[in-house]
Amino acid sequence: MLVLTTPNIEGKTIDSYQGIVTGEAILGANFFKDIFASLRDIVGGRSAAYESELRRAKDLAIEEMVEQARGMGANAVIGVDLDYDTVGEGSMLMVSASGTAVTYRD
């Protein structure tokens, strides 16, 4: 499945628009990762633990969105937007993905 942030597929013809598709992922951050991230914030540097969790949440949200598009008969999702947020006083990470499911031809 083709997944793009652009509103069209260059060089391809979009035959039909199936509609908006979404995917969400909320992941709880591990207690030890929280402690490690806090220490990293104090001494500086990047928090690999949080970066890894954000990547994992992003992948899950996109995967859910793609499955919804497949169920609609689409072969691409265009105009994809990713949003990141925290939930529950920052103890959980949330990623949402949304886009338009389309069918295109070569």
PDB file of N, CA and C in Angstrom:
ATOM      1  N   MET A   1       0.857  -1.182   0.000  1.00  0.00           N
ATOM      2  CA  MET A   1       0.000   0.000   0.000  1.00  0.00           C
ATOM      3  C   MET A   1       0.892   1.231   0.000  1.00  0.00           C
ATOM      4  N   LEU A   2       0.574   2.141  -0.893  1.00  0.00           N
ATOM      5  CA  LEU A   2       1.304   3.404  -0.993  1.00  0.00           C
ATOM      6  C   LEU A   2       0.749   4.367   0.054  1.00  0.00           C
ATOM      7  N   VAL A   3       1.625   4.956   0.875  1.00  0.00           N
ATOM      8  CA  VAL A   3       1.218   5.899   1.920  1.00  0.00           C
ATOM      9  C   VAL A   3       2.022   7.172   1.723  1.00  0.00           C
ATOM     10  N   LEU A   4       1.309   8.281   1.440  1.00  0.00           N
ATOM     11  CA  LEU A   4       1.975   9.542   1.108  1.00  0.00           C
ATOM     12  C   LEU A   4       1.415  10.704   1.915  1.00  0.00           C
ATOM     13  N   THR A   5       2.260  11.676   2.183  1.00  0.00           N
ATOM     14  CA  THR A   5       1.799  12.903   2.831  1.00  0.00           C
ATOM     15  C   THR A   5       1.299  13.913   1.807  1.00  0.00           C
ATOM     16  N   THR A   6       1.576  13.685   0.546  1.00  0.00           N
ATOM     17  CA  THR A   6       1.157  14.604  -0.511  1.00  0.00           C
ATOM     18  C   THR A   6      -0.321  14.407  -0.852  1.00  0.00           C
ATOM     19  N   PRO A   7      -0.976  15.433  -1.424  1.00  0.00           N
ATOM     20  CA  PRO A   7      -2.402  15.326  -1.741  1.00  0.00           C
ATOM     21  C   PRO A   7      -2.702  14.582  -3.037  1.00  0.00           C
ATOM     22  N   ASN A   8      -1.676  14.157  -3.753  1.00  0.00           N
ATOM     23  CA  ASN A   8      -1.879  13.408  -4.995  1.00  0.00           C
ATOM     24  C   ASN A   8      -0.714  12.445  -5.187  1.00  0.00           C
ATOM     25  N   ILE A   9      -0.798  11.654  -6.250  1.00  0.00           N
ATOM     26  CA  ILE A   9       0.266  10.703  -6.557  1.00  0.00           C
ATOM     27  C   ILE A   9       0.832  11.104  -7.907  1.00  0.00           C
ATOM     28  N   GLU A  10       2.003  11.690  -7.882  1.00  0.00           N
ATOM     29  CA  GLU A  10       2.596  12.216  -9.103  1.00  0.00           C
ATOM     30  C   GLU A  10       2.740  11.123 -10.164  1.00  0.00           C
ATOM     31  N   GLY A  11       2.262  11.433 -11.373  1.00  0.00           N
ATOM     32  CA  GLY A  11       2.370  10.510 -12.485  1.00  0.00           C
ATOM     33  C   GLY A  11       1.313   9.417 -12.501  1.00  0.00           C
ATOM     34  N   LYS A  12       0.405   9.431 -11.541  1.00  0.00           N
ATOM     35  CA  LYS A  12      -0.654   8.416 -11.458  1.00  0.00           C
ATOM     36  C   LYS A  12      -2.014   9.097 -11.509  1.00  0.00           C
ATOM     37  N   THR A  13      -3.022   8.357 -11.915  1.00  0.00           N
ATOM     38  CA  THR A  13      -4.386   8.854 -11.956  1.00  0.00           C
ATOM     39  C   THR A  13      -5.181   8.248 -10.813  1.00  0.00           C
ATOM     40  N   ILE A  14      -5.802   9.098 -10.011  1.00  0.00           N
ATOM     41  CA  ILE A  14      -6.652   8.616  -8.928  1.00  0.00           C
ATOM     42  C   ILE A  14      -8.032   8.353  -9.508  1.00  0.00           C
ATOM     43  N   ASP A  15      -8.475   7.106  -9.411  1.00  0.00           N
ATOM     44  CA  ASP A  15      -9.774   6.710  -9.956  1.00  0.00           C
ATOM     45  C   ASP A  15     -10.921   7.007  -9.003  1.00  0.00           C
ATOM     46  N   SER A  16     -10.697   6.779  -7.707  1.00  0.00           N
ATOM     47  CA  SER A  16     -11.782   7.016  -6.754  1.00  0.00           C
ATOM     48  C   SER A  16     -11.228   7.329  -5.372  1.00  0.00           C
ATOM     49  N   TYR A  17     -12.021   8.074  -4.643  1.00  0.00           N
ATOM     50  CA  TYR A  17     -11.718   8.435  -3.262  1.00  0.00           C
ATOM     51  C   TYR A  17     -12.680   7.674  -2.362  1.00  0.00           C
ATOM     52  N   GLN A  18     -12.140   6.803  -1.497  1.00  0.00           N
ATOM     53  CA  GLN A  18     -12.989   6.003  -0.622  1.00  0.00           C
ATOM     54  C   GLN A  18     -13.392   6.752   0.653  1.00  0.00           C
ATOM     55  N   GLY A  19     -12.577   7.678   1.094  1.00  0.00           N
ATOM     56  CA  GLY A  19     -12.909   8.444   2.295  1.00  0.00           C
ATOM     57  C   GLY A  19     -11.748   8.540   3.266  1.00  0.00           C
ATOM     58  N   ILE A  20     -12.037   9.156   4.382  1.00  0.00           N
ATOM     59  CA  ILE A  20     -11.032   9.385   5.423  1.00  0.00           C
ATOM     60  C   ILE A  20     -10.773   8.088   6.183  1.00  0.00           C
ATOM     61  N   VAL A  21      -9.498   7.823   6.438  1.00  0.00           N
ATOM     62  CA  VAL A  21      -9.107   6.680   7.253  1.00  0.00           C
ATOM     63  C   VAL A  21      -8.228   7.179   8.394  1.00  0.00           C
ATOM     64  N   THR A  22      -8.297   6.486   9.521  1.00  0.00           N
ATOM     65  CA  THR A  22      -7.521   6.899  10.693  1.00  0.00           C
ATOM     66  C   THR A  22      -6.918   5.690  11.394  1.00  0.00           C
ATOM     67  N   GLY A  23      -5.926   5.953  12.171  1.00  0.00           N
ATOM     68  CA  GLY A  23      -5.325   4.938  13.018  1.00  0.00           C
ATOM     69  C   GLY A  23      -4.786   5.619  14.257  1.00  0.00           C
ATOM     70  N   GLU A  24      -4.928   4.969  15.388  1.00  0.00           N
ATOM     71  CA  GLU A  24      -4.448   5.541  16.646  1.00  0.00           C
ATOM     72  C   GLU A  24      -3.661   4.498  17.416  1.00  0.00           C
ATOM     73  N   ALA A  25      -2.692   4.979  18.151  1.00  0.00           N
ATOM     74  CA  ALA A  25      -1.914   4.104  19.025  1.00  0.00           C
ATOM     75  C   ALA A  25      -1.606   4.865  20.308  1.00  0.00           C
ATOM     76  N   ILE A  26      -1.919   4.242  21.424  1.00  0.00           N
ATOM     77  CA  ILE A  26      -1.579   4.815  22.734  1.00  0.00           C
ATOM     78  C   ILE A  26      -0.736   3.783  23.456  1.00  0.00           C
ATOM     79  N   LEU A  27       0.461   4.178  23.813  1.00  0.00           N
ATOM     80  CA  LEU A  27       1.395   3.267  24.477  1.00  0.00           C
ATOM     81  C   LEU A  27       1.806   3.835  25.821  1.00  0.00           C
ATOM     82  N   GLY A  28       1.745   3.008  26.824  1.00  0.00           N
ATOM     83  CA  GLY A  28       2.213   3.419  28.143  1.00  0.00           C
ATOM     84  C   GLY A  28       3.724   3.381  28.192  1.00  0.00           C
ATOM     85  N   ALA A  29       4.309   4.398  28.778  1.00  0.00           N
ATOM     86  CA  ALA A  29       5.764   4.444  28.918  1.00  0.00           C
ATOM     87  C   ALA A  29       6.161   3.678  30.175  1.00  0.00           C
ATOM     88  N   ASN A  30       7.120   2.822  30.055  1.00  0.00           N
ATOM     89  CA  ASN A  30       7.621   1.990  31.145  1.00  0.00           C
ATOM     90  C   ASN A  30       8.206   2.866  32.251  1.00  0.00           C
ATOM     91  N   PHE A  31       7.972   2.479  33.503  1.00  0.00           N
ATOM     92  CA  PHE A  31       8.460   3.233  34.654  1.00  0.00           C
ATOM     93  C   PHE A  31       9.968   3.459  34.603  1.00  0.00           C
ATOM     94  N   PHE A  32      10.732   2.428  34.270  1.00  0.00           N
ATOM     95  CA  PHE A  32      12.188   2.583  34.215  1.00  0.00           C
ATOM     96  C   PHE A  32      12.608   3.502  33.077  1.00  0.00           C
ATOM     97  N   LYS A  33      11.878   3.456  31.966  1.00  0.00           N
ATOM     98  CA  LYS A  33      12.171   4.368  30.864  1.00  0.00           C
ATOM     99  C   LYS A  33      11.922   5.810  31.303  1.00  0.00           C
ATOM    100  N   ASP A  34      10.861   6.021  32.119  1.00  0.00           N
ATOM    101  CA  ASP A  34      10.567   7.362  32.622  1.00  0.00           C
ATOM    102  C   ASP A  34      11.730   7.888  33.467  1.00  0.00           C
ATOM    103  N   ILE A  35      12.249   7.036  34.342  1.00  0.00           N
ATOM    104  CA  ILE A  35      13.370   7.443  35.189  1.00  0.00           C
ATOM    105  C   ILE A  35      14.588   7.755  34.327  1.00  0.00           C
ATOM    106  N   PHE A  36      14.873   6.887  33.373  1.00  0.00           N
ATOM    107  CA  PHE A  36      16.023   7.091  32.492  1.00  0.00           C
ATOM    108  C   PHE A  36      15.872   8.379  31.694  1.00  0.00           C
ATOM    109  N   ALA A  37      14.672   8.629  31.177  1.00  0.00           N
ATOM    110  CA  ALA A  37      14.433   9.836  30.388  1.00  0.00           C
ATOM    111  C   ALA A  37      14.608  11.079  31.254  1.00  0.00           C
ATOM    112  N   SER A  38      14.148  11.013  32.505  1.00  0.00           N
ATOM    113  CA  SER A  38      14.308  12.155  33.407  1.00  0.00           C
ATOM    114  C   SER A  38      15.784  12.451  33.648  1.00  0.00           C
ATOM    115  N   LEU A  39      16.570  11.401  33.848  1.00  0.00           N
ATOM    116  CA  LEU A  39      18.009  11.600  34.043  1.00  0.00           C
ATOM    117  C   LEU A  39      18.649  12.206  32.799  1.00  0.00           C
ATOM    118  N   ARG A  40      18.241  11.747  31.634  1.00  0.00           N
ATOM    119  CA  ARG A  40      18.782  12.277  30.386  1.00  0.00           C
ATOM    120  C   ARG A  40      18.435  13.758  30.236  1.00  0.00           C
ATOM    121  N   ASP A  41      17.205  14.124  30.659  1.00  0.00           N
ATOM    122  CA  ASP A  41      16.800  15.523  30.580  1.00  0.00           C
ATOM    123  C   ASP A  41      17.664  16.394  31.486  1.00  0.00           C
ATOM    124  N   ILE A  42      18.059  15.851  32.639  1.00  0.00           N
ATOM    125  CA  ILE A  42      18.879  16.616  33.587  1.00  0.00           C
ATOM    126  C   ILE A  42      20.292  16.816  33.031  1.00  0.00           C
ATOM    127  N   VAL A  43      20.890  15.760  32.481  1.00  0.00           N
ATOM    128  CA  VAL A  43      22.268  15.858  32.012  1.00  0.00           C
ATOM    129  C   VAL A  43      22.361  16.231  30.535  1.00  0.00           C
ATOM    130  N   GLY A  44      21.237  16.318  29.861  1.00  0.00           N
ATOM    131  CA  GLY A  44      21.242  16.671  28.440  1.00  0.00           C
ATOM    132  C   GLY A  44      21.270  15.433  27.562  1.00  0.00           C
ATOM    133  N   GLY A  45      21.009  15.636  26.309  1.00  0.00           N
ATOM    134  CA  GLY A  45      21.020  14.523  25.370  1.00  0.00           C
ATOM    135  C   GLY A  45      19.628  14.087  24.991  1.00  0.00           C
ATOM    136  N   ARG A  46      19.576  13.114  24.137  1.00  0.00           N
ATOM    137  CA  ARG A  46      18.304  12.594  23.638  1.00  0.00           C
ATOM    138  C   ARG A  46      17.875  11.388  24.455  1.00  0.00           C
ATOM    139  N   SER A  47      16.562  11.184  24.526  1.00  0.00           N
ATOM    140  CA  SER A  47      16.027  10.031  25.240  1.00  0.00           C
ATOM    141  C   SER A  47      15.676   8.948  24.232  1.00  0.00           C
ATOM    142  N   ALA A  48      16.560   7.981  24.093  1.00  0.00           N
ATOM    143  CA  ALA A  48      16.351   6.884  23.144  1.00  0.00           C
ATOM    144  C   ALA A  48      15.109   6.076  23.497  1.00  0.00           C
ATOM    145  N   ALA A  49      14.802   5.975  24.787  1.00  0.00           N
ATOM    146  CA  ALA A  49      13.630   5.206  25.214  1.00  0.00           C
ATOM    147  C   ALA A  49      12.352   5.826  24.654  1.00  0.00           C
ATOM    148  N   TYR A  50      12.201   7.133  24.803  1.00  0.00           N
ATOM    149  CA  TYR A  50      11.007   7.800  24.289  1.00  0.00           C
ATOM    150  C   TYR A  50      10.986   7.809  22.768  1.00  0.00           C
ATOM    151  N   GLU A  51      12.128   8.006  22.149  1.00  0.00           N
ATOM    152  CA  GLU A  51      12.188   7.998  20.685  1.00  0.00           C
ATOM    153  C   GLU A  51      11.739   6.650  20.140  1.00  0.00           C
ATOM    154  N   SER A  52      12.159   5.589  20.778  1.00  0.00           N
ATOM    155  CA  SER A  52      11.772   4.246  20.362  1.00  0.00           C
ATOM    156  C   SER A  52      10.268   4.037  20.519  1.00  0.00           C
ATOM    157  N   GLU A  53       9.705   4.483  21.638  1.00  0.00           N
ATOM    158  CA  GLU A  53       8.261   4.350  21.874  1.00  0.00           C
ATOM    159  C   GLU A  53       7.463   5.165  20.856  1.00  0.00           C
ATOM    160  N   LEU A  54       7.929   6.367  20.544  1.00  0.00           N
ATOM    161  CA  LEU A  54       7.235   7.197  19.555  1.00  0.00           C
ATOM    162  C   LEU A  54       7.256   6.548  18.176  1.00  0.00           C
ATOM    163  N   ARG A  55       8.392   5.986  17.792  1.00  0.00           N
ATOM    164  CA  ARG A  55       8.495   5.280  16.503  1.00  0.00           C
ATOM    165  C   ARG A  55       7.546   4.096  16.462  1.00  0.00           C
ATOM    166  N   ARG A  56       7.501   3.363  17.556  1.00  0.00           N
ATOM    167  CA  ARG A  56       6.616   2.193  17.636  1.00  0.00           C
ATOM    168  C   ARG A  56       5.146   2.613  17.535  1.00  0.00           C
ATOM    169  N   ALA A  57       4.775   3.668  18.238  1.00  0.00           N
ATOM    170  CA  ALA A  57       3.399   4.166  18.184  1.00  0.00           C
ATOM    171  C   ALA A  57       3.055   4.664  16.787  1.00  0.00           C
ATOM    172  N   LYS A  58       3.984   5.344  16.139  1.00  0.00           N
ATOM    173  CA  LYS A  58       3.758   5.834  14.771  1.00  0.00           C
ATOM    174  C   LYS A  58       3.517   4.674  13.822  1.00  0.00           C
ATOM    175  N   ASP A  59       4.342   3.654  13.908  1.00  0.00           N
ATOM    176  CA  ASP A  59       4.195   2.479  13.042  1.00  0.00           C
ATOM    177  C   ASP A  59       2.853   1.789  13.259  1.00  0.00           C
ATOM    178  N   LEU A  60       2.433   1.658  14.510  1.00  0.00           N
ATOM    179  CA  LEU A  60       1.147   1.026  14.817  1.00  0.00           C
ATOM    180  C   LEU A  60      -0.031   1.844  14.277  1.00  0.00           C
ATOM    181  N   ALA A  61       0.036   3.166  14.435  1.00  0.00           N
ATOM    182  CA  ALA A  61      -1.044   4.035  13.953  1.00  0.00           C
ATOM    183  C   ALA A  61      -1.151   3.971  12.427  1.00  0.00           C
ATOM    184  N   ILE A  62      -0.017   3.983  11.736  1.00  0.00           N
ATOM    185  CA  ILE A  62      -0.034   3.892  10.275  1.00  0.00           C
ATOM    186  C   ILE A  62      -0.554   2.527   9.835  1.00  0.00           C
ATOM    187  N   GLU A  63      -0.119   1.481  10.514  1.00  0.00           N
ATOM    188  CA  GLU A  63      -0.574   0.130  10.182  1.00  0.00           C
ATOM    189  C   GLU A  63      -2.097   0.011  10.323  1.00  0.00           C
ATOM    190  N   GLU A  64      -2.655   0.566  11.387  1.00  0.00           N
ATOM    191  CA  GLU A  64      -4.104   0.537  11.597  1.00  0.00           C
ATOM    192  C   GLU A  64      -4.829   1.320  10.499  1.00  0.00           C
ATOM    193  N   MET A  65      -4.289   2.468  10.121  1.00  0.00           N
ATOM    194  CA  MET A  65      -4.879   3.293   9.068  1.00  0.00           C
ATOM    195  C   MET A  65      -4.867   2.550   7.722  1.00  0.00           C
ATOM    196  N   VAL A  66      -3.750   1.898   7.418  1.00  0.00           N
ATOM    197  CA  VAL A  66      -3.610   1.144   6.167  1.00  0.00           C
ATOM    198  C   VAL A  66      -4.603  -0.011   6.122  1.00  0.00           C
ATOM    199  N   GLU A  67      -4.781  -0.711   7.237  1.00  0.00           N
ATOM    200  CA  GLU A  67      -5.740  -1.818   7.278  1.00  0.00           C
ATOM    201  C   GLU A  67      -7.160  -1.324   7.026  1.00  0.00           C
ATOM    202  N   GLN A  68      -7.487  -0.168   7.570  1.00  0.00           N
ATOM    203  CA  GLN A  68      -8.810   0.411   7.334  1.00  0.00           C
ATOM    204  C   GLN A  68      -8.971   0.755   5.849  1.00  0.00           C
ATOM    205  N   ALA A  69      -7.932   1.304   5.234  1.00  0.00           N
ATOM    206  CA  ALA A  69      -7.979   1.639   3.805  1.00  0.00           C
ATOM    207  C   ALA A  69      -8.131   0.380   2.955  1.00  0.00           C
ATOM    208  N   ARG A  70      -7.405  -0.677   3.301  1.00  0.00           N
ATOM    209  CA  ARG A  70      -7.533  -1.958   2.575  1.00  0.00           C
ATOM    210  C   ARG A  70      -8.965  -2.477   2.626  1.00  0.00           C
ATOM    211  N   GLY A  71      -9.564  -2.359   3.789  1.00  0.00           N
ATOM    212  CA  GLY A  71     -10.941  -2.802   3.964  1.00  0.00           C
ATOM    213  C   GLY A  71     -11.932  -2.036   3.101  1.00  0.00           C
ATOM    214  N   MET A  72     -11.548  -0.835   2.684  1.00  0.00           N
ATOM    215  CA  MET A  72     -12.397  -0.020   1.817  1.00  0.00           C
ATOM    216  C   MET A  72     -12.085  -0.272   0.341  1.00  0.00           C
ATOM    217  N   GLY A  73     -11.099  -1.126   0.064  1.00  0.00           N
ATOM    218  CA  GLY A  73     -10.731  -1.421  -1.311  1.00  0.00           C
ATOM    219  C   GLY A  73      -9.702  -0.474  -1.906  1.00  0.00           C
ATOM    220  N   ALA A  74      -9.063   0.332  -1.076  1.00  0.00           N
ATOM    221  CA  ALA A  74      -8.066   1.302  -1.553  1.00  0.00           C
ATOM    222  C   ALA A  74      -6.713   0.633  -1.781  1.00  0.00           C
ATOM    223  N   ASN A  75      -5.894   1.259  -2.630  1.00  0.00           N
ATOM    224  CA  ASN A  75      -4.527   0.781  -2.808  1.00  0.00           C
ATOM    225  C   ASN A  75      -3.504   1.866  -2.462  1.00  0.00           C
ATOM    226  N   ALA A  76      -3.998   2.984  -1.887  1.00  0.00           N
ATOM    227  CA  ALA A  76      -3.102   4.055  -1.433  1.00  0.00           C
ATOM    228  C   ALA A  76      -3.829   4.919  -0.409  1.00  0.00           C
ATOM    229  N   VAL A  77      -3.036   5.599   0.412  1.00  0.00           N
ATOM    230  CA  VAL A  77      -3.557   6.614   1.331  1.00  0.00           C
ATOM    231  C   VAL A  77      -2.756   7.880   1.060  1.00  0.00           C
ATOM    232  N   ILE A  78      -3.457   8.964   0.760  1.00  0.00           N
ATOM    233  CA  ILE A  78      -2.782  10.236   0.463  1.00  0.00           C
ATOM    234  C   ILE A  78      -3.125  11.268   1.539  1.00  0.00           C
ATOM    235  N   GLY A  79      -2.349  12.352   1.550  1.00  0.00           N
ATOM    236  CA  GLY A  79      -2.591  13.430   2.502  1.00  0.00           C
ATOM    237  C   GLY A  79      -2.446  12.996   3.945  1.00  0.00           C
ATOM    238  N   VAL A  80      -1.530  12.086   4.210  1.00  0.00           N
ATOM    239  CA  VAL A  80      -1.373  11.544   5.568  1.00  0.00           C
ATOM    240  C   VAL A  80      -0.823  12.610   6.512  1.00  0.00           C
ATOM    241  N   ASP A  81      -1.443  12.687   7.687  1.00  0.00           N
ATOM    242  CA  ASP A  81      -1.022  13.607   8.738  1.00  0.00           C
ATOM    243  C   ASP A  81      -0.807  12.801  10.007  1.00  0.00           C
ATOM    244  N   LEU A  82       0.296  13.048  10.680  1.00  0.00           N
ATOM    245  CA  LEU A  82       0.603  12.389  11.953  1.00  0.00           C
ATOM    246  C   LEU A  82       0.550  13.416  13.071  1.00  0.00           C
ATOM    247  N   ASP A  83      -0.127  13.068  14.152  1.00  0.00           N
ATOM    248  CA  ASP A  83      -0.202  13.932  15.330  1.00  0.00           C
ATOM    249  C   ASP A  83       0.310  13.166  16.533  1.00  0.00           C
ATOM    250  N   TYR A  84       1.089  13.844  17.366  1.00  0.00           N
ATOM    251  CA  TYR A  84       1.680  13.261  18.569  1.00  0.00           C
ATOM    252  C   TYR A  84       1.170  14.013  19.783  1.00  0.00           C
ATOM    253  N   ASP A  85       0.889  13.275  20.860  1.00  0.00           N
ATOM    254  CA  ASP A  85       0.424  13.920  22.081  1.00  0.00           C
ATOM    255  C   ASP A  85       0.708  13.008  23.273  1.00  0.00           C
ATOM    256  N   THR A  86       0.552  13.537  24.459  1.00  0.00           N
ATOM    257  CA  THR A  86       0.655  12.727  25.666  1.00  0.00           C
ATOM    258  C   THR A  86      -0.726  12.651  26.310  1.00  0.00           C
ATOM    259  N   VAL A  87      -0.964  11.560  27.015  1.00  0.00           N
ATOM    260  CA  VAL A  87      -2.246  11.322  27.655  1.00  0.00           C
ATOM    261  C   VAL A  87      -1.971  10.913  29.095  1.00  0.00           C
ATOM    262  N   GLY A  88      -2.870  11.253  30.000  1.00  0.00           N
ATOM    263  CA  GLY A  88      -2.728  10.811  31.390  1.00  0.00           C
ATOM    264  C   GLY A  88      -1.539  11.432  32.084  1.00  0.00           C
ATOM    265  N   GLU A  89      -1.481  12.746  32.126  1.00  0.00           N
ATOM    266  CA  GLU A  89      -0.402  13.481  32.787  1.00  0.00           C
ATOM    267  C   GLU A  89       0.967  13.088  32.254  1.00  0.00           C
ATOM    268  N   GLY A  90       1.018  12.808  30.936  1.00  0.00           N
ATOM    269  CA  GLY A  90       2.290  12.510  30.306  1.00  0.00           C
ATOM    270  C   GLY A  90       2.772  11.085  30.473  1.00  0.00           C
ATOM    271  N   SER A  91       1.956  10.211  31.066  1.00  0.00           N
ATOM    272  CA  SER A  91       2.411   8.848  31.297  1.00  0.00           C
ATOM    273  C   SER A  91       2.192   7.926  30.101  1.00  0.00           C
ATOM    274  N   MET A  92       1.435   8.397  29.111  1.00  0.00           N
ATOM    275  CA  MET A  92       1.205   7.601  27.908  1.00  0.00           C
ATOM    276  C   MET A  92       1.457   8.457  26.670  1.00  0.00           C
ATOM    277  N   LEU A  93       1.893   7.787  25.624  1.00  0.00           N
ATOM    278  CA  LEU A  93       2.162   8.453  24.358  1.00  0.00           C
ATOM    279  C   LEU A  93       1.055   8.106  23.374  1.00  0.00           C
ATOM    280  N   MET A  94       0.570   9.112  22.648  1.00  0.00           N
ATOM    281  CA  MET A  94      -0.482   8.866  21.665  1.00  0.00           C
ATOM    282  C   MET A  94      -0.036   9.396  20.306  1.00  0.00           C
ATOM    283  N   VAL A  95      -0.242   8.568  19.288  1.00  0.00           N
ATOM    284  CA  VAL A  95       0.011   8.979  17.913  1.00  0.00           C
ATOM    285  C   VAL A  95      -1.248   8.678  17.120  1.00  0.00           C
ATOM    286  N   SER A  96      -1.690   9.657  16.337  1.00  0.00           N
ATOM    287  CA  SER A  96      -2.820   9.404  15.449  1.00  0.00           C
ATOM    288  C   SER A  96      -2.381   9.706  14.023  1.00  0.00           C
ATOM    289  N   ALA A  97      -2.854   8.871  13.108  1.00  0.00           N
ATOM    290  CA  ALA A  97      -2.562   9.034  11.688  1.00  0.00           C
ATOM    291  C   ALA A  97      -3.891   9.143  10.961  1.00  0.00           C
ATOM    292  N   SER A  98      -3.976  10.069  10.020  1.00  0.00           N
ATOM    293  CA  SER A  98      -5.188  10.189   9.221  1.00  0.00           C
ATOM    294  C   SER A  98      -4.805  10.526   7.791  1.00  0.00           C
ATOM    295  N   GLY A  99      -5.674  10.137   6.868  1.00  0.00           N
ATOM    296  CA  GLY A  99      -5.433  10.409   5.465  1.00  0.00           C
ATOM    297  C   GLY A  99      -6.669  10.062   4.659  1.00  0.00           C
ATOM    298  N   THR A 100      -6.539  10.121   3.347  1.00  0.00           N
ATOM    299  CA  THR A 100      -7.636   9.803   2.440  1.00  0.00           C
ATOM    300  C   THR A 100      -7.311   8.528   1.685  1.00  0.00           C
ATOM    301  N   ALA A 101      -8.194   7.540   1.803  1.00  0.00           N
ATOM    302  CA  ALA A 101      -8.020   6.275   1.082  1.00  0.00           C
ATOM    303  C   ALA A 101      -8.455   6.482  -0.357  1.00  0.00           C
ATOM    304  N   VAL A 102      -7.589   6.056  -1.302  1.00  0.00           N
ATOM    305  CA  VAL A 102      -7.889   6.219  -2.722  1.00  0.00           C
ATOM    306  C   VAL A 102      -7.531   4.950  -3.491  1.00  0.00           C
ATOM    307  N   THR A 103      -8.065   4.869  -4.692  1.00  0.00           N
ATOM    308  CA  THR A 103      -7.685   3.836  -5.632  1.00  0.00           C
ATOM    309  C   THR A 103      -7.059   4.548  -6.832  1.00  0.00           C
ATOM    310  N   TYR A 104      -5.854   4.161  -7.179  1.00  0.00           N
ATOM    311  CA  TYR A 104      -5.170   4.788  -8.310  1.00  0.00           C
ATOM    312  C   TYR A 104      -4.779   3.729  -9.324  1.00  0.00           C
ATOM    313  N   ARG A 105      -4.461   4.199 -10.523  1.00  0.00           N
ATOM    314  CA  ARG A 105      -3.965   3.293 -11.561  1.00  0.00           C
ATOM    315  C   ARG A 105      -2.672   3.854 -12.135  1.00  0.00           C
ATOM    316  N   ASP A 106      -1.878   2.975 -12.713  1.00  0.00           N
ATOM    317  CA  ASP A 106      -0.586   3.391 -13.281  1.00  0.00           C
ATOM    318  C   ASP A 106      -0.744   4.181 -14.551  1.00  0.00           C
TER     319      ASP A 106
END
